[in-house]
PDB file of N, CA and C in Angstrom:
ATOM      1  N   MET A   1     -15.450 133.487-187.666  1.00  0.00           N
ATOM      2  CA  MET A   1     -14.650 134.637-187.327  1.00  0.00           C
ATOM      3  C   MET A   1     -14.657 134.941-185.623  1.00  0.00           C
ATOM      4  N   LEU A   2     -13.457 134.914-185.180  1.00  0.00           N
ATOM      5  CA  LEU A   2     -13.389 135.190-183.851  1.00  0.00           C
ATOM      6  C   LEU A   2     -13.434 136.754-183.488  1.00  0.00           C
ATOM      7  N   SER A   3     -14.170 137.101-182.611  1.00  0.00           N
ATOM      8  CA  SER A   3     -14.375 138.498-182.121  1.00  0.00           C
ATOM      9  C   SER A   3     -13.228 138.890-181.283  1.00  0.00           C
ATOM     10  N   GLU A   4     -12.838 140.179-181.079  1.00  0.00           N
ATOM     11  CA  GLU A   4     -11.914 140.625-180.192  1.00  0.00           C
ATOM     12  C   GLU A   4     -12.365 140.635-178.754  1.00  0.00           C
ATOM     13  N   HIS A   5     -11.643 140.523-177.850  1.00  0.00           N
ATOM     14  CA  HIS A   5     -11.989 140.367-176.554  1.00  0.00           C
ATOM     15  C   HIS A   5     -11.922 141.922-175.766  1.00  0.00           C
ATOM     16  N   HIS A   6     -12.986 142.381-175.262  1.00  0.00           N
ATOM     17  CA  HIS A   6     -13.065 143.691-174.778  1.00  0.00           C
ATOM     18  C   HIS A   6     -13.347 143.887-173.350  1.00  0.00           C
ATOM     19  N   ASP A   7     -13.007 142.916-172.529  1.00  0.00           N
ATOM     20  CA  ASP A   7     -13.172 143.154-171.180  1.00  0.00           C
ATOM     21  C   ASP A   7     -12.411 144.382-170.595  1.00  0.00           C
ATOM     22  N   ILE A   8     -12.832 145.065-169.576  1.00  0.00           N
ATOM     23  CA  ILE A   8     -12.222 146.232-169.101  1.00  0.00           C
ATOM     24  C   ILE A   8     -10.806 146.079-168.830  1.00  0.00           C
ATOM     25  N   ASP A   9     -10.275 145.003-168.046  1.00  0.00           N
ATOM     26  CA  ASP A   9      -9.014 144.894-167.723  1.00  0.00           C
ATOM     27  C   ASP A   9      -8.196 144.784-168.976  1.00  0.00           C
ATOM     28  N   HIS A  10      -8.622 144.138-170.022  1.00  0.00           N
ATOM     29  CA  HIS A  10      -8.002 143.992-171.086  1.00  0.00           C
ATOM     30  C   HIS A  10      -7.782 145.281-172.040  1.00  0.00           C
ATOM     31  N   GLU A  11      -8.922 146.066-171.786  1.00  0.00           N
ATOM     32  CA  GLU A  11      -8.957 147.300-172.590  1.00  0.00           C
ATOM     33  C   GLU A  11      -8.032 148.277-171.925  1.00  0.00           C
ATOM     34  N   PHE A  12      -7.856 148.340-170.623  1.00  0.00           N
ATOM     35  CA  PHE A  12      -7.020 149.364-169.967  1.00  0.00           C
ATOM     36  C   PHE A  12      -6.056 148.735-169.036  1.00  0.00           C
ATOM     37  N   PRO A  13      -5.018 147.988-169.641  1.00  0.00           N
ATOM     38  CA  PRO A  13      -4.146 147.339-168.822  1.00  0.00           C
ATOM     39  C   PRO A  13      -3.345 148.433-167.861  1.00  0.00           C
ATOM     40  N   GLU A  14      -3.230 149.682-168.353  1.00  0.00           N
ATOM     41  CA  GLU A  14      -2.341 150.625-167.517  1.00  0.00           C
ATOM     42  C   GLU A  14      -3.056 150.986-166.333  1.00  0.00           C
ATOM     43  N   TYR A  15      -4.457 150.711-166.193  1.00  0.00           N
ATOM     44  CA  TYR A  15      -5.147 151.075-164.979  1.00  0.00           C
ATOM     45  C   TYR A  15      -5.589 149.753-164.240  1.00  0.00           C
ATOM     46  N   HIS A  16      -4.781 148.711-164.440  1.00  0.00           N
ATOM     47  CA  HIS A  16      -5.232 147.482-163.745  1.00  0.00           C
ATOM     48  C   HIS A  16      -5.374 147.574-162.106  1.00  0.00           C
ATOM     49  N   GLU A  17      -4.408 148.336-161.519  1.00  0.00           N
ATOM     50  CA  GLU A  17      -4.341 148.364-160.062  1.00  0.00           C
ATOM     51  C   GLU A  17      -5.429 149.395-159.583  1.00  0.00           C
ATOM     52  N   ARG A  18      -5.718 150.368-160.356  1.00  0.00           N
ATOM     53  CA  ARG A  18      -6.699 151.381-160.085  1.00  0.00           C
ATOM     54  C   ARG A  18      -8.129 150.596-160.209  1.00  0.00           C
ATOM     55  N   LEU A  19      -8.256 149.978-161.395  1.00  0.00           N
ATOM     56  CA  LEU A  19      -9.448 149.266-161.597  1.00  0.00           C
ATOM     57  C   LEU A  19      -9.800 148.240-160.414  1.00  0.00           C
ATOM     58  N   GLU A  20      -8.867 147.530-160.052  1.00  0.00           N
ATOM     59  CA  GLU A  20      -9.072 146.556-158.814  1.00  0.00           C
ATOM     60  C   GLU A  20      -9.512 147.156-157.610  1.00  0.00           C
ATOM     61  N   ALA A  21      -8.833 148.426-157.370  1.00  0.00           N
ATOM     62  CA  ALA A  21      -9.078 149.101-156.076  1.00  0.00           C
ATOM     63  C   ALA A  21     -10.438 149.683-156.148  1.00  0.00           C
ATOM     64  N   LEU A  22     -11.012 150.179-157.228  1.00  0.00           N
ATOM     65  CA  LEU A  22     -12.370 150.750-157.404  1.00  0.00           C
ATOM     66  C   LEU A  22     -13.511 149.762-157.329  1.00  0.00           C
ATOM     67  N   VAL A  23     -13.114 148.675-158.047  1.00  0.00           N
ATOM     68  CA  VAL A  23     -14.090 147.563-157.990  1.00  0.00           C
ATOM     69  C   VAL A  23     -14.403 147.186-156.429  1.00  0.00           C
ATOM     70  N   VAL A  24     -13.279 147.097-155.668  1.00  0.00           N
ATOM     71  CA  VAL A  24     -13.384 146.735-154.271  1.00  0.00           C
ATOM     72  C   VAL A  24     -14.102 147.769-153.525  1.00  0.00           C
ATOM     73  N   SER A  25     -13.865 148.860-153.807  1.00  0.00           N
ATOM     74  CA  SER A  25     -14.292 150.172-152.874  1.00  0.00           C
ATOM     75  C   SER A  25     -15.611 150.785-153.207  1.00  0.00           C
ATOM     76  N   ASP A  26     -16.091 150.591-154.652  1.00  0.00           N
ATOM     77  CA  ASP A  26     -17.112 151.391-155.116  1.00  0.00           C
ATOM     78  C   ASP A  26     -18.022 150.440-155.859  1.00  0.00           C
ATOM     79  N   ALA A  27     -19.171 150.245-155.046  1.00  0.00           N
ATOM     80  CA  ALA A  27     -20.140 149.140-155.654  1.00  0.00           C
ATOM     81  C   ALA A  27     -20.692 149.593-156.918  1.00  0.00           C
ATOM     82  N   ALA A  28     -21.046 150.807-157.125  1.00  0.00           N
ATOM     83  CA  ALA A  28     -21.583 151.391-158.364  1.00  0.00           C
ATOM     84  C   ALA A  28     -20.716 151.166-159.546  1.00  0.00           C
ATOM     85  N   PHE A  29     -19.449 151.441-159.311  1.00  0.00           N
ATOM     86  CA  PHE A  29     -18.338 151.249-160.244  1.00  0.00           C
ATOM     87  C   PHE A  29     -18.276 149.909-160.604  1.00  0.00           C
ATOM     88  N   ALA A  30     -18.089 148.900-159.653  1.00  0.00           N
ATOM     89  CA  ALA A  30     -18.137 147.480-159.773  1.00  0.00           C
ATOM     90  C   ALA A  30     -19.246 146.955-160.771  1.00  0.00           C
ATOM     91  N   GLU A  31     -20.494 147.562-160.398  1.00  0.00           N
ATOM     92  CA  GLU A  31     -21.635 147.000-161.385  1.00  0.00           C
ATOM     93  C   GLU A  31     -21.422 147.554-162.806  1.00  0.00           C
ATOM     94  N   LEU A  32     -20.750 148.714-162.913  1.00  0.00           N
ATOM     95  CA  LEU A  32     -20.643 149.306-164.338  1.00  0.00           C
ATOM     96  C   LEU A  32     -19.628 148.358-165.141  1.00  0.00           C
ATOM     97  N   VAL A  33     -18.578 147.846-164.338  1.00  0.00           N
ATOM     98  CA  VAL A  33     -17.561 146.960-164.988  1.00  0.00           C
ATOM     99  C   VAL A  33     -18.213 145.667-165.218  1.00  0.00           C
ATOM    100  N   ALA A  34     -18.981 145.075-164.285  1.00  0.00           N
ATOM    101  CA  ALA A  34     -19.641 143.889-164.218  1.00  0.00           C
ATOM    102  C   ALA A  34     -20.528 143.821-165.596  1.00  0.00           C
ATOM    103  N   ARG A  35     -21.391 144.913-165.779  1.00  0.00           N
ATOM    104  CA  ARG A  35     -22.245 144.985-166.761  1.00  0.00           C
ATOM    105  C   ARG A  35     -21.620 145.119-168.146  1.00  0.00           C
ATOM    106  N   HIS A  36     -20.577 145.751-168.210  1.00  0.00           N
ATOM    107  CA  HIS A  36     -19.786 145.874-169.403  1.00  0.00           C
ATOM    108  C   HIS A  36     -19.205 144.462-169.741  1.00  0.00           C
ATOM    109  N   ASP A  37     -18.639 143.796-168.885  1.00  0.00           N
ATOM    110  CA  ASP A  37     -18.120 142.491-169.163  1.00  0.00           C
ATOM    111  C   ASP A  37     -19.063 141.365-169.347  1.00  0.00           C
ATOM    112  N   ARG A  38     -20.099 141.577-168.812  1.00  0.00           N
ATOM    113  CA  ARG A  38     -21.310 140.479-169.138  1.00  0.00           C
ATOM    114  C   ARG A  38     -21.818 140.785-170.600  1.00  0.00           C
ATOM    115  N   LEU A  39     -22.003 141.993-170.990  1.00  0.00           N
ATOM    116  CA  LEU A  39     -22.373 142.332-172.261  1.00  0.00           C
ATOM    117  C   LEU A  39     -21.315 142.075-173.341  1.00  0.00           C
ATOM    118  N   ASP A  40     -20.166 142.322-173.090  1.00  0.00           N
ATOM    119  CA  ASP A  40     -18.974 141.867-174.034  1.00  0.00           C
ATOM    120  C   ASP A  40     -18.972 140.369-174.113  1.00  0.00           C
ATOM    121  N   ASP A  41     -19.140 139.511-173.040  1.00  0.00           N
ATOM    122  CA  ASP A  41     -19.347 138.232-173.234  1.00  0.00           C
ATOM    123  C   ASP A  41     -20.412 137.759-174.148  1.00  0.00           C
ATOM    124  N   GLU A  42     -21.590 138.372-173.908  1.00  0.00           N
ATOM    125  CA  GLU A  42     -22.798 138.039-174.740  1.00  0.00           C
ATOM    126  C   GLU A  42     -22.602 138.385-176.148  1.00  0.00           C
ATOM    127  N   ILE A  43     -21.881 139.511-176.561  1.00  0.00           N
ATOM    128  CA  ILE A  43     -21.532 139.932-178.015  1.00  0.00           C
ATOM    129  C   ILE A  43     -20.629 138.792-178.544  1.00  0.00           C
ATOM    130  N   ARG A  44     -19.569 138.463-177.794  1.00  0.00           N
ATOM    131  CA  ARG A  44     -18.566 137.511-178.302  1.00  0.00           C
ATOM    132  C   ARG A  44     -19.333 136.243-178.627  1.00  0.00           C
ATOM    133  N   GLU A  45     -20.090 135.699-177.738  1.00  0.00           N
ATOM    134  CA  GLU A  45     -20.758 134.491-177.931  1.00  0.00           C
ATOM    135  C   GLU A  45     -21.720 134.474-179.060  1.00  0.00           C
ATOM    136  N   LEU A  46     -22.440 135.597-179.320  1.00  0.00           N
ATOM    137  CA  LEU A  46     -23.395 135.755-180.420  1.00  0.00           C
ATOM    138  C   LEU A  46     -22.485 135.735-181.789  1.00  0.00           C
ATOM    139  N   GLU A  47     -21.383 136.461-181.789  1.00  0.00           N
ATOM    140  CA  GLU A  47     -20.400 136.570-182.964  1.00  0.00           C
ATOM    141  C   GLU A  47     -19.621 135.302-183.219  1.00  0.00           C
ATOM    142  N   GLU A  48     -19.131 134.724-182.246  1.00  0.00           N
ATOM    143  CA  GLU A  48     -18.514 133.368-182.371  1.00  0.00           C
ATOM    144  C   GLU A  48     -19.278 132.351-182.853  1.00  0.00           C
ATOM    145  N   ARG A  49     -20.529 132.067-182.347  1.00  0.00           N
ATOM    146  CA  ARG A  49     -21.505 130.981-182.644  1.00  0.00           C
ATOM    147  C   ARG A  49     -22.248 131.266-183.948  1.00  0.00           C
ATOM    148  N   GLY A  50     -22.257 132.473-184.357  1.00  0.00           N
ATOM    149  CA  GLY A  50     -23.035 132.934-185.537  1.00  0.00           C
ATOM    150  C   GLY A  50     -24.543 132.861-185.322  1.00  0.00           C
ATOM    151  N   LEU A  51     -24.799 133.041-184.086  1.00  0.00           N
ATOM    152  CA  LEU A  51     -26.325 133.117-183.699  1.00  0.00           C
ATOM    153  C   LEU A  51     -27.048 134.214-184.423  1.00  0.00           C
ATOM    154  N   PRO A  52     -28.316 133.863-184.874  1.00  0.00           N
ATOM    155  CA  PRO A  52     -29.247 134.829-185.508  1.00  0.00           C
ATOM    156  C   PRO A  52     -29.543 135.902-184.624  1.00  0.00           C
ATOM    157  N   ILE A  53     -29.112 137.078-185.010  1.00  0.00           N
ATOM    158  CA  ILE A  53     -29.546 138.380-184.231  1.00  0.00           C
ATOM    159  C   ILE A  53     -29.569 139.506-185.327  1.00  0.00           C
ATOM    160  N   ALA A  54     -30.578 140.377-185.454  1.00  0.00           N
ATOM    161  CA  ALA A  54     -30.642 141.508-186.289  1.00  0.00           C
ATOM    162  C   ALA A  54     -29.455 142.380-186.196  1.00  0.00           C
ATOM    163  N   ASP A  55     -28.947 142.938-187.261  1.00  0.00           N
ATOM    164  CA  ASP A  55     -27.910 143.817-187.200  1.00  0.00           C
ATOM    165  C   ASP A  55     -27.888 144.800-186.432  1.00  0.00           C
ATOM    166  N   GLU A  56     -29.251 145.591-186.372  1.00  0.00           N
ATOM    167  CA  GLU A  56     -29.514 146.585-185.481  1.00  0.00           C
ATOM    168  C   GLU A  56     -29.346 146.175-183.971  1.00  0.00           C
ATOM    169  N   ASN A  57     -29.810 145.049-183.560  1.00  0.00           N
ATOM    170  CA  ASN A  57     -29.698 144.569-182.221  1.00  0.00           C
ATOM    171  C   ASN A  57     -28.177 144.470-181.832  1.00  0.00           C
ATOM    172  N   ILE A  58     -27.539 143.832-182.563  1.00  0.00           N
ATOM    173  CA  ILE A  58     -26.069 143.747-182.310  1.00  0.00           C
ATOM    174  C   ILE A  58     -25.359 145.017-182.064  1.00  0.00           C
ATOM    175  N   GLU A  59     -25.602 145.936-183.067  1.00  0.00           N
ATOM    176  CA  GLU A  59     -24.965 147.226-183.233  1.00  0.00           C
ATOM    177  C   GLU A  59     -25.591 147.987-181.785  1.00  0.00           C
ATOM    178  N   ALA A  60     -26.805 147.932-181.457  1.00  0.00           N
ATOM    179  CA  ALA A  60     -27.226 148.557-180.180  1.00  0.00           C
ATOM    180  C   ALA A  60     -26.391 147.976-178.971  1.00  0.00           C
ATOM    181  N   MET A  61     -26.309 146.718-178.958  1.00  0.00           N
ATOM    182  CA  MET A  61     -25.370 146.046-177.837  1.00  0.00           C
ATOM    183  C   MET A  61     -23.910 146.570-177.960  1.00  0.00           C
ATOM    184  N   LYS A  62     -23.500 146.746-179.079  1.00  0.00           N
ATOM    185  CA  LYS A  62     -22.042 147.207-179.047  1.00  0.00           C
ATOM    186  C   LYS A  62     -21.932 148.798-178.691  1.00  0.00           C
ATOM    187  N   PHE A  63     -23.029 149.515-178.960  1.00  0.00           N
ATOM    188  CA  PHE A  63     -23.132 150.890-178.618  1.00  0.00           C
ATOM    189  C   PHE A  63     -23.309 151.120-177.120  1.00  0.00           C
ATOM    190  N   GLU A  64     -24.052 150.194-176.495  1.00  0.00           N
ATOM    191  CA  GLU A  64     -24.156 150.112-175.124  1.00  0.00           C
ATOM    192  C   GLU A  64     -22.839 149.739-174.506  1.00  0.00           C
ATOM    193  N   ARG A  65     -22.070 148.772-175.027  1.00  0.00           N
ATOM    194  CA  ARG A  65     -20.819 148.492-174.390  1.00  0.00           C
ATOM    195  C   ARG A  65     -19.836 149.649-174.536  1.00  0.00           C
ATOM    196  N   ALA A  66     -19.849 150.357-175.616  1.00  0.00           N
ATOM    197  CA  ALA A  66     -18.893 151.426-175.724  1.00  0.00           C
ATOM    198  C   ALA A  66     -19.335 152.634-174.645  1.00  0.00           C
ATOM    199  N   GLU A  67     -20.568 152.883-174.461  1.00  0.00           N
ATOM    200  CA  GLU A  67     -21.066 153.857-173.511  1.00  0.00           C
ATOM    201  C   GLU A  67     -20.489 153.520-172.115  1.00  0.00           C
ATOM    202  N   LEU A  68     -20.582 152.263-171.760  1.00  0.00           N
ATOM    203  CA  LEU A  68     -20.195 151.687-170.471  1.00  0.00           C
ATOM    204  C   LEU A  68     -18.787 152.014-170.430  1.00  0.00           C
ATOM    205  N   LYS A  69     -18.052 151.646-171.397  1.00  0.00           N
ATOM    206  CA  LYS A  69     -16.612 151.744-171.671  1.00  0.00           C
ATOM    207  C   LYS A  69     -16.147 153.067-171.283  1.00  0.00           C
ATOM    208  N   ASP A  70     -16.722 154.064-171.977  1.00  0.00           N
ATOM    209  CA  ASP A  70     -16.633 155.485-171.638  1.00  0.00           C
ATOM    210  C   ASP A  70     -16.670 155.977-170.238  1.00  0.00           C
ATOM    211  N   GLN A  71     -17.716 155.553-169.677  1.00  0.00           N
ATOM    212  CA  GLN A  71     -18.090 155.998-168.217  1.00  0.00           C
ATOM    213  C   GLN A  71     -16.947 155.294-167.382  1.00  0.00           C
ATOM    214  N   ILE A  72     -16.636 153.986-167.686  1.00  0.00           N
ATOM    215  CA  ILE A  72     -15.562 153.408-166.760  1.00  0.00           C
ATOM    216  C   ILE A  72     -14.271 154.202-166.903  1.00  0.00           C
ATOM    217  N   TYR A  73     -13.895 154.328-168.157  1.00  0.00           N
ATOM    218  CA  TYR A  73     -12.479 155.075-168.592  1.00  0.00           C
ATOM    219  C   TYR A  73     -12.616 156.509-167.906  1.00  0.00           C
ATOM    220  N   SER A  74     -13.640 157.171-167.971  1.00  0.00           N
ATOM    221  CA  SER A  74     -13.834 158.523-167.296  1.00  0.00           C
ATOM    222  C   SER A  74     -13.513 158.522-165.784  1.00  0.00           C
ATOM    223  N   ARG A  75     -14.025 157.472-165.279  1.00  0.00           N
ATOM    224  CA  ARG A  75     -13.867 157.306-163.749  1.00  0.00           C
ATOM    225  C   ARG A  75     -12.315 156.773-163.402  1.00  0.00           C
ATOM    226  N   LEU A  76     -11.712 155.967-164.313  1.00  0.00           N
ATOM    227  CA  LEU A  76     -10.459 155.619-163.956  1.00  0.00           C
ATOM    228  C   LEU A  76      -9.427 156.780-164.288  1.00  0.00           C
ATOM    229  N   ARG A  77      -9.670 157.601-164.991  1.00  0.00           N
ATOM    230  CA  ARG A  77      -8.876 158.938-165.252  1.00  0.00           C
ATOM    231  C   ARG A  77      -8.914 159.928-164.174  1.00  0.00           C
ATOM    232  N   ARG A  78     -10.152 159.940-163.548  1.00  0.00           N
ATOM    233  CA  ARG A  78     -10.340 160.943-162.495  1.00  0.00           C
ATOM    234  C   ARG A  78      -9.239 160.987-161.228  1.00  0.00           C
ATOM    235  N   GLY A  79      -8.792 159.710-161.273  1.00  0.00           N
ATOM    236  CA  GLY A  79      -7.907 159.445-160.008  1.00  0.00           C
ATOM    237  C   GLY A  79      -8.281 159.543-158.587  1.00  0.00           C
TER     238      GLY A  79
END
């Protein structure tokens, strides 16, 4: 079963230009995006390869990804 891709640029295409500008101008924001996308890659790899991981661990990873996404979205909307 292939998992859905959740990188930030894919999640918020309407904010593509703002996202790129903030990543360049704000190191803390860039790190949030990088952390989110690394975690997303890790989750996808675990799901696609069927690697053994406890359900509660993968759910914790998904929860962290969602929290990062919320923080990023909030910042993108602030303008």
